[in-house]
Amino acid sequence: MATVTSRPRSWETARVPGAVATSIIVFGRGLDADADGAGFRLSRQSTERVDALTRYVGEHTQAFGARRGRIVFSGGWAAAADGATRPPRQYREGQLMLRHALAADIAGAGLSRYADAYPEIESDSTLENVLRVHEAGYFDGSSFTARNPLGLVAHAEHLARIGYLVRKVFGLPGDAIVGIAAPGADARSGGLPEGLLLLVTRLALSGARGHDALRRRHRVLVAGNHRLRSLGSLPRRHGG
């Protein structure tokens, strides 16, 4: 059982002092194959993100007691970044992250005491994480504001790009989201530094309206990245 002990990081500071995100998306970050080849397990980065989520809930049990949480573990497999093939449903990122979270000890209780939790397991890119969570209506009826922000769990390097996509898809202002940063280094974006990938993503999706248009632009972006890698311009890495 994991014990919640570490303190919040600077990314976890909401715009309104004391505001706590009880609606949260945890973004998957890759799978590793089991040594015997029989299945998959969460990458180190994906595990760090789930641990950051359980730590955050443990730091804010009073807020979750007053307003029951809703948490979506979003991730299927890393097709966009790595060309990974679709794994069986029980081995997809969202399912394994949910299982890991439910096994955690959060202030002497389980996650189910504080929140309803769901796996989203069909996405194969960061954009699809955001689109599929929105399309499935996990947060329908919720009104996100600076006092009631939507929480996003990822590594600090990844949060800027995630925040951009969430603002674009959900139509939220910047003060209505709060990033919850996982510890450790994150280098799983298909060979591109996150800062460059954010810039390229913003340029590629600029002016796109609607989910279909975003998906079309994103397919062009992914194809370009894959072509560069095939020419040996970028190192190959595993992850989503």
C-alpha atoms as a PDB file:
ATOM      1  CA  MET A   1       0.000   0.000   0.000  1.00  0.00           C
ATOM      2  CA  ALA A   2       1.245   3.501  -0.821  1.00  0.00           C
ATOM      3  CA  THR A   3       1.330   6.021   2.007  1.00  0.00           C
ATOM      4  CA  VAL A   4       0.621   9.677   1.277  1.00  0.00           C
ATOM      5  CA  THR A   5       3.352  11.796   2.869  1.00  0.00           C
ATOM      6  CA  SER A   6       4.969  14.231   0.404  1.00  0.00           C
ATOM      7  CA  ARG A   7       4.028  17.880   0.108  1.00  0.00           C
ATOM      8  CA  PRO A   8       2.366  19.676  -2.823  1.00  0.00           C
ATOM      9  CA  ARG A   9       4.546  21.201  -5.548  1.00  0.00           C
ATOM     10  CA  SER A  10       4.253  24.731  -6.941  1.00  0.00           C
ATOM     11  CA  TRP A  11       2.107  23.585  -9.902  1.00  0.00           C
ATOM     12  CA  GLU A  12      -0.579  22.666  -7.385  1.00  0.00           C
ATOM     13  CA  THR A  13      -1.187  26.276  -6.340  1.00  0.00           C
ATOM     14  CA  ALA A  14      -4.649  27.361  -7.471  1.00  0.00           C
ATOM     15  CA  ARG A  15      -5.310  30.945  -8.530  1.00  0.00           C
ATOM     16  CA  VAL A  16      -7.686  31.360  -5.581  1.00  0.00           C
ATOM     17  CA  PRO A  17      -6.004  30.562  -2.251  1.00  0.00           C
ATOM     18  CA  GLY A  18      -7.517  27.449  -0.718  1.00  0.00           C
ATOM     19  CA  ALA A  19      -9.277  26.302  -3.895  1.00  0.00           C
ATOM     20  CA  VAL A  20      -9.037  22.534  -4.370  1.00  0.00           C
ATOM     21  CA  ALA A  21      -9.702  20.553  -7.555  1.00  0.00           C
ATOM     22  CA  THR A  22     -12.030  17.643  -6.760  1.00  0.00           C
ATOM     23  CA  SER A  23     -12.677  16.965 -10.460  1.00  0.00           C
ATOM     24  CA  ILE A  24      -9.437  15.644 -11.912  1.00  0.00           C
ATOM     25  CA  ILE A  25      -8.013  14.054 -15.072  1.00  0.00           C
ATOM     26  CA  VAL A  26      -4.929  11.849 -14.663  1.00  0.00           C
ATOM     27  CA  PHE A  27      -3.037  11.538 -17.963  1.00  0.00           C
ATOM     28  CA  GLY A  28      -1.341   8.244 -18.816  1.00  0.00           C
ATOM     29  CA  ARG A  29       2.288   8.257 -19.903  1.00  0.00           C
ATOM     30  CA  GLY A  30       3.103   4.925 -21.432  1.00  0.00           C
ATOM     31  CA  LEU A  31       3.291   1.207 -20.761  1.00  0.00           C
ATOM     32  CA  ASP A  32       6.200  -1.193 -20.404  1.00  0.00           C
ATOM     33  CA  ALA A  33       6.016  -4.816 -21.495  1.00  0.00           C
ATOM     34  CA  ASP A  34       6.311  -7.445 -18.761  1.00  0.00           C
ATOM     35  CA  ALA A  35       9.577  -9.354 -18.740  1.00  0.00           C
ATOM     36  CA  ASP A  36       7.814 -12.582 -19.713  1.00  0.00           C
ATOM     37  CA  GLY A  37       5.954 -10.863 -22.548  1.00  0.00           C
ATOM     38  CA  ALA A  38       2.592 -11.913 -21.130  1.00  0.00           C
ATOM     39  CA  GLY A  39       1.238  -8.440 -20.557  1.00  0.00           C
ATOM     40  CA  PHE A  40       2.019  -4.818 -19.738  1.00  0.00           C
ATOM     41  CA  ARG A  41       2.610  -2.683 -16.680  1.00  0.00           C
ATOM     42  CA  LEU A  42       2.549   1.060 -16.127  1.00  0.00           C
ATOM     43  CA  SER A  43       5.678   2.974 -17.061  1.00  0.00           C
ATOM     44  CA  ARG A  44       7.503   4.744 -14.259  1.00  0.00           C
ATOM     45  CA  GLN A  45       6.026   8.035 -15.418  1.00  0.00           C
ATOM     46  CA  SER A  46       2.456   6.713 -15.405  1.00  0.00           C
ATOM     47  CA  THR A  47       2.929   5.305 -11.897  1.00  0.00           C
ATOM     48  CA  GLU A  48       4.375   8.616 -10.673  1.00  0.00           C
ATOM     49  CA  ARG A  49       1.278  10.400 -11.943  1.00  0.00           C
ATOM     50  CA  VAL A  50      -1.097   8.091 -10.086  1.00  0.00           C
ATOM     51  CA  ASP A  51       0.955   8.516  -6.923  1.00  0.00           C
ATOM     52  CA  ALA A  52       0.746  12.306  -7.363  1.00  0.00           C
ATOM     53  CA  LEU A  53      -3.042  12.006  -7.577  1.00  0.00           C
ATOM     54  CA  THR A  54      -3.376   9.914  -4.425  1.00  0.00           C
ATOM     55  CA  ARG A  55      -1.012  12.257  -2.596  1.00  0.00           C
ATOM     56  CA  TYR A  56      -3.107  15.256  -3.652  1.00  0.00           C
ATOM     57  CA  VAL A  57      -6.322  13.641  -2.425  1.00  0.00           C
ATOM     58  CA  GLY A  58      -4.585  12.778   0.839  1.00  0.00           C
ATOM     59  CA  GLU A  59      -3.483  16.378   1.282  1.00  0.00           C
ATOM     60  CA  HIS A  60      -7.063  17.610   0.760  1.00  0.00           C
ATOM     61  CA  THR A  61      -9.293  15.024   2.434  1.00  0.00           C
ATOM     62  CA  GLN A  62     -11.426  17.745   4.013  1.00  0.00           C
ATOM     63  CA  ALA A  63     -12.268  19.238   0.613  1.00  0.00           C
ATOM     64  CA  PHE A  64     -13.067  15.803  -0.835  1.00  0.00           C
ATOM     65  CA  GLY A  65     -15.215  15.083   2.207  1.00  0.00           C
ATOM     66  CA  ALA A  66     -17.234  18.225   1.562  1.00  0.00           C
ATOM     67  CA  ARG A  67     -17.469  17.737  -2.213  1.00  0.00           C
ATOM     68  CA  ARG A  68     -17.098  14.189  -3.468  1.00  0.00           C
ATOM     69  CA  GLY A  69     -14.559  13.971  -6.243  1.00  0.00           C
ATOM     70  CA  ARG A  70     -14.776  12.694  -9.794  1.00  0.00           C
ATOM     71  CA  ILE A  71     -11.526  11.373 -11.250  1.00  0.00           C
ATOM     72  CA  VAL A  72     -10.841  10.092 -14.768  1.00  0.00           C
ATOM     73  CA  PHE A  73      -7.709   8.058 -15.507  1.00  0.00           C
ATOM     74  CA  SER A  74      -7.210   8.727 -19.204  1.00  0.00           C
ATOM     75  CA  GLY A  75      -4.953   6.622 -21.385  1.00  0.00           C
ATOM     76  CA  GLY A  76      -5.047   3.768 -23.837  1.00  0.00           C
ATOM     77  CA  TRP A  77      -1.692   3.227 -25.562  1.00  0.00           C
ATOM     78  CA  ALA A  78       1.056   5.300 -27.161  1.00  0.00           C
ATOM     79  CA  ALA A  79       0.205   5.024 -30.843  1.00  0.00           C
ATOM     80  CA  ALA A  80       0.722   8.690 -31.725  1.00  0.00           C
ATOM     81  CA  ALA A  81       4.121   9.097 -30.087  1.00  0.00           C
ATOM     82  CA  ASP A  82       5.564   5.640 -30.550  1.00  0.00           C
ATOM     83  CA  GLY A  83       3.411   3.765 -33.031  1.00  0.00           C
ATOM     84  CA  ALA A  84       2.550   1.253 -30.308  1.00  0.00           C
ATOM     85  CA  THR A  85      -0.068  -1.379 -31.098  1.00  0.00           C
ATOM     86  CA  ARG A  86      -3.367  -1.559 -29.248  1.00  0.00           C
ATOM     87  CA  PRO A  87      -2.995  -3.752 -26.116  1.00  0.00           C
ATOM     88  CA  PRO A  88      -5.821  -5.822 -24.585  1.00  0.00           C
ATOM     89  CA  ARG A  89      -8.303  -3.706 -22.661  1.00  0.00           C
ATOM     90  CA  GLN A  90      -7.132  -4.927 -19.247  1.00  0.00           C
ATOM     91  CA  TYR A  91      -3.601  -3.680 -19.970  1.00  0.00           C
ATOM     92  CA  ARG A  92      -4.395  -0.171 -21.151  1.00  0.00           C
ATOM     93  CA  GLU A  93      -3.094   2.832 -19.258  1.00  0.00           C
ATOM     94  CA  GLY A  94      -6.398   4.021 -17.826  1.00  0.00           C
ATOM     95  CA  GLN A  95      -7.313   0.592 -16.486  1.00  0.00           C
ATOM     96  CA  LEU A  96      -3.907  -0.020 -14.892  1.00  0.00           C
ATOM     97  CA  MET A  97      -3.797   3.485 -13.403  1.00  0.00           C
ATOM     98  CA  LEU A  98      -7.213   3.015 -11.829  1.00  0.00           C
ATOM     99  CA  ARG A  99      -6.125  -0.322 -10.365  1.00  0.00           C
ATOM    100  CA  HIS A 100      -2.969   1.256  -8.911  1.00  0.00           C
ATOM    101  CA  ALA A 101      -4.936   4.146  -7.416  1.00  0.00           C
ATOM    102  CA  LEU A 102      -7.528   1.887  -5.796  1.00  0.00           C
ATOM    103  CA  ALA A 103      -4.722  -0.028  -4.053  1.00  0.00           C
ATOM    104  CA  ALA A 104      -3.306   3.132  -2.446  1.00  0.00           C
ATOM    105  CA  ASP A 105      -3.698   4.005   1.224  1.00  0.00           C
ATOM    106  CA  ILE A 106      -5.026   7.564   1.381  1.00  0.00           C
ATOM    107  CA  ALA A 107      -5.138   8.806   4.957  1.00  0.00           C
ATOM    108  CA  GLY A 108      -6.119   5.342   6.149  1.00  0.00           C
ATOM    109  CA  ALA A 109      -8.795   4.764   3.508  1.00  0.00           C
ATOM    110  CA  GLY A 110      -9.124   3.940  -0.180  1.00  0.00           C
ATOM    111  CA  LEU A 111      -9.750   6.294  -3.083  1.00  0.00           C
ATOM    112  CA  SER A 112     -13.389   5.222  -3.275  1.00  0.00           C
ATOM    113  CA  ARG A 113     -14.029   6.958   0.039  1.00  0.00           C
ATOM    114  CA  TYR A 114     -13.269  10.323  -1.537  1.00  0.00           C
ATOM    115  CA  ALA A 115     -14.151  10.099  -5.211  1.00  0.00           C
ATOM    116  CA  ASP A 116     -15.859   8.250  -8.038  1.00  0.00           C
ATOM    117  CA  ALA A 117     -13.153   7.040 -10.430  1.00  0.00           C
ATOM    118  CA  TYR A 118     -13.355   5.985 -14.076  1.00  0.00           C
ATOM    119  CA  PRO A 119     -10.907   4.641 -16.685  1.00  0.00           C
ATOM    120  CA  GLU A 120     -10.824   6.118 -20.195  1.00  0.00           C
ATOM    121  CA  ILE A 121      -8.916   3.548 -22.278  1.00  0.00           C
ATOM    122  CA  GLU A 122      -9.426   4.418 -25.962  1.00  0.00           C
ATOM    123  CA  SER A 123      -7.089   7.398 -26.368  1.00  0.00           C
ATOM    124  CA  ASP A 124      -3.730   7.066 -28.103  1.00  0.00           C
ATOM    125  CA  SER A 125      -2.408  10.642 -27.772  1.00  0.00           C
ATOM    126  CA  THR A 126      -2.617  13.621 -25.453  1.00  0.00           C
ATOM    127  CA  LEU A 127      -5.157  15.301 -27.707  1.00  0.00           C
ATOM    128  CA  GLU A 128      -7.297  12.158 -27.699  1.00  0.00           C
ATOM    129  CA  ASN A 129      -7.051  12.030 -23.894  1.00  0.00           C
ATOM    130  CA  VAL A 130      -8.692  15.433 -23.743  1.00  0.00           C
ATOM    131  CA  LEU A 131     -11.192  14.917 -26.576  1.00  0.00           C
ATOM    132  CA  ARG A 132     -12.439  11.549 -25.337  1.00  0.00           C
ATOM    133  CA  VAL A 133     -12.875  12.720 -21.750  1.00  0.00           C
ATOM    134  CA  HIS A 134     -14.874  15.674 -23.040  1.00  0.00           C
ATOM    135  CA  GLU A 135     -16.927  13.598 -25.485  1.00  0.00           C
ATOM    136  CA  ALA A 136     -17.777  10.959 -22.878  1.00  0.00           C
ATOM    137  CA  GLY A 137     -19.286  13.640 -20.660  1.00  0.00           C
ATOM    138  CA  TYR A 138     -17.477  12.680 -17.471  1.00  0.00           C
ATOM    139  CA  PHE A 139     -17.750  16.261 -16.236  1.00  0.00           C
ATOM    140  CA  ASP A 140     -21.091  17.230 -17.753  1.00  0.00           C
ATOM    141  CA  GLY A 141     -22.974  19.536 -15.408  1.00  0.00           C
ATOM    142  CA  SER A 142     -19.780  20.770 -13.741  1.00  0.00           C
ATOM    143  CA  SER A 143     -18.928  24.442 -13.840  1.00  0.00           C
ATOM    144  CA  PHE A 144     -15.188  25.025 -13.527  1.00  0.00           C
ATOM    145  CA  THR A 145     -14.009  28.318 -12.104  1.00  0.00           C
ATOM    146  CA  ALA A 146     -11.053  29.680 -10.180  1.00  0.00           C
ATOM    147  CA  ARG A 147     -12.800  28.556  -6.994  1.00  0.00           C
ATOM    148  CA  ASN A 148     -13.699  25.123  -8.400  1.00  0.00           C
ATOM    149  CA  PRO A 149     -10.916  24.300 -10.880  1.00  0.00           C
ATOM    150  CA  LEU A 150     -10.435  21.212 -13.026  1.00  0.00           C
ATOM    151  CA  GLY A 151      -7.298  19.373 -11.917  1.00  0.00           C
ATOM    152  CA  LEU A 152      -4.799  17.941 -14.435  1.00  0.00           C
ATOM    153  CA  VAL A 153      -2.217  15.394 -13.288  1.00  0.00           C
ATOM    154  CA  ALA A 154       0.985  14.996 -15.302  1.00  0.00           C
ATOM    155  CA  HIS A 155       4.671  15.826 -15.085  1.00  0.00           C
ATOM    156  CA  ALA A 156       5.581  19.501 -15.024  1.00  0.00           C
ATOM    157  CA  GLU A 157       7.127  19.298 -18.518  1.00  0.00           C
ATOM    158  CA  HIS A 158       3.876  17.954 -19.972  1.00  0.00           C
ATOM    159  CA  LEU A 159       1.415  20.166 -18.117  1.00  0.00           C
ATOM    160  CA  ALA A 160       1.785  23.243 -20.322  1.00  0.00           C
ATOM    161  CA  ARG A 161       0.730  21.325 -23.452  1.00  0.00           C
ATOM    162  CA  ILE A 162      -2.059  19.523 -21.602  1.00  0.00           C
ATOM    163  CA  GLY A 163      -3.333  22.816 -20.213  1.00  0.00           C
ATOM    164  CA  TYR A 164      -3.404  24.346 -23.695  1.00  0.00           C
ATOM    165  CA  LEU A 165      -5.428  21.418 -25.077  1.00  0.00           C
ATOM    166  CA  VAL A 166      -7.864  21.374 -22.133  1.00  0.00           C
ATOM    167  CA  ARG A 167      -8.504  25.104 -22.447  1.00  0.00           C
ATOM    168  CA  LYS A 168      -9.108  24.695 -26.177  1.00  0.00           C
ATOM    169  CA  VAL A 169     -11.392  21.630 -25.981  1.00  0.00           C
ATOM    170  CA  PHE A 170     -13.289  22.445 -22.778  1.00  0.00           C
ATOM    171  CA  GLY A 171     -13.417  26.184 -23.447  1.00  0.00           C
ATOM    172  CA  LEU A 172     -12.019  27.056 -20.024  1.00  0.00           C
ATOM    173  CA  PRO A 173     -10.084  30.138 -18.934  1.00  0.00           C
ATOM    174  CA  GLY A 174      -6.621  29.585 -17.509  1.00  0.00           C
ATOM    175  CA  ASP A 175      -7.681  30.216 -13.926  1.00  0.00           C
ATOM    176  CA  ALA A 176     -10.254  27.387 -14.098  1.00  0.00           C
ATOM    177  CA  ILE A 177      -7.587  24.668 -14.282  1.00  0.00           C
ATOM    178  CA  VAL A 178      -4.863  23.647 -11.870  1.00  0.00           C
ATOM    179  CA  GLY A 179      -1.886  21.425 -12.669  1.00  0.00           C
ATOM    180  CA  ILE A 180      -0.882  18.695 -10.234  1.00  0.00           C
ATOM    181  CA  ALA A 181       2.723  17.835 -11.029  1.00  0.00           C
ATOM    182  CA  ALA A 182       4.152  14.363 -10.610  1.00  0.00           C
ATOM    183  CA  PRO A 183       7.748  14.150  -9.375  1.00  0.00           C
ATOM    184  CA  GLY A 184      10.593  12.903 -11.509  1.00  0.00           C
ATOM    185  CA  ALA A 185      11.748  13.490 -15.069  1.00  0.00           C
ATOM    186  CA  ASP A 186       9.475  13.055 -18.069  1.00  0.00           C
ATOM    187  CA  ALA A 187      10.940  12.342 -21.512  1.00  0.00           C
ATOM    188  CA  ARG A 188       8.245  10.358 -23.329  1.00  0.00           C
ATOM    189  CA  SER A 189       6.966  12.568 -26.135  1.00  0.00           C
ATOM    190  CA  GLY A 190       8.150  10.682 -29.194  1.00  0.00           C
ATOM    191  CA  GLY A 191      11.601  12.278 -29.239  1.00  0.00           C
ATOM    192  CA  LEU A 192      10.566  15.951 -29.221  1.00  0.00           C
ATOM    193  CA  PRO A 193      11.274  18.213 -26.220  1.00  0.00           C
ATOM    194  CA  GLU A 194       7.997  19.258 -24.601  1.00  0.00           C
ATOM    195  CA  GLY A 195       8.679  22.960 -25.105  1.00  0.00           C
ATOM    196  CA  LEU A 196       9.115  22.471 -28.852  1.00  0.00           C
ATOM    197  CA  LEU A 197       6.166  20.106 -29.037  1.00  0.00           C
ATOM    198  CA  LEU A 198       3.939  22.686 -27.351  1.00  0.00           C
ATOM    199  CA  LEU A 199       4.983  25.318 -29.891  1.00  0.00           C
ATOM    200  CA  VAL A 200       4.400  22.949 -32.827  1.00  0.00           C
ATOM    201  CA  THR A 201       1.048  21.868 -31.384  1.00  0.00           C
ATOM    202  CA  ARG A 202      -0.136  25.447 -30.978  1.00  0.00           C
ATOM    203  CA  LEU A 203       0.842  26.261 -34.553  1.00  0.00           C
ATOM    204  CA  ALA A 204      -0.748  23.084 -35.941  1.00  0.00           C
ATOM    205  CA  LEU A 205      -4.043  23.551 -34.103  1.00  0.00           C
ATOM    206  CA  SER A 206      -4.306  27.322 -34.406  1.00  0.00           C
ATOM    207  CA  GLY A 207      -7.714  28.310 -35.742  1.00  0.00           C
ATOM    208  CA  ALA A 208      -9.099  24.753 -35.612  1.00  0.00           C
ATOM    209  CA  ARG A 209     -12.685  24.630 -34.353  1.00  0.00           C
ATOM    210  CA  GLY A 210     -14.516  21.466 -33.429  1.00  0.00           C
ATOM    211  CA  HIS A 211     -13.269  17.989 -32.629  1.00  0.00           C
ATOM    212  CA  ASP A 212     -13.119  16.771 -36.231  1.00  0.00           C
ATOM    213  CA  ALA A 213     -10.933  19.684 -37.261  1.00  0.00           C
ATOM    214  CA  LEU A 214      -8.627  19.154 -34.293  1.00  0.00           C
ATOM    215  CA  ARG A 215      -8.249  15.479 -35.147  1.00  0.00           C
ATOM    216  CA  ARG A 216      -7.452  16.237 -38.802  1.00  0.00           C
ATOM    217  CA  ARG A 217      -4.770  18.757 -37.864  1.00  0.00           C
ATOM    218  CA  HIS A 218      -3.342  16.387 -35.270  1.00  0.00           C
ATOM    219  CA  ARG A 219      -3.035  13.513 -37.767  1.00  0.00           C
ATOM    220  CA  VAL A 220      -0.894  15.775 -39.978  1.00  0.00           C
ATOM    221  CA  LEU A 221       1.259  16.721 -36.984  1.00  0.00           C
ATOM    222  CA  VAL A 222       1.778  13.091 -35.941  1.00  0.00           C
ATOM    223  CA  ALA A 223       2.595  12.007 -39.497  1.00  0.00           C
ATOM    224  CA  GLY A 224       5.244  14.713 -39.739  1.00  0.00           C
ATOM    225  CA  ASN A 225       6.824  13.619 -36.460  1.00  0.00           C
ATOM    226  CA  HIS A 226       6.908   9.991 -37.596  1.00  0.00           C
ATOM    227  CA  ARG A 227       8.536  10.953 -40.901  1.00  0.00           C
ATOM    228  CA  LEU A 228      11.290  12.822 -39.085  1.00  0.00           C
ATOM    229  CA  ARG A 229      11.957   9.846 -36.839  1.00  0.00           C
ATOM    230  CA  SER A 230      12.074   7.458 -39.788  1.00  0.00           C
ATOM    231  CA  LEU A 231      14.836   9.609 -41.297  1.00  0.00           C
ATOM    232  CA  GLY A 232      16.803   9.278 -38.088  1.00  0.00           C
ATOM    233  CA  SER A 233      16.414  12.929 -37.165  1.00  0.00           C
ATOM    234  CA  LEU A 234      14.869  12.087 -33.793  1.00  0.00           C
ATOM    235  CA  PRO A 235      15.645   9.320 -31.316  1.00  0.00           C
ATOM    236  CA  ARG A 236      12.951   6.702 -30.789  1.00  0.00           C
ATOM    237  CA  ARG A 237      11.419   6.571 -27.319  1.00  0.00           C
ATOM    238  CA  HIS A 238       8.601   4.592 -25.804  1.00  0.00           C
ATOM    239  CA  GLY A 239       5.579   6.273 -24.293  1.00  0.00           C
ATOM    240  CA  GLY A 240       2.426   8.261 -25.031  1.00  0.00           C
END
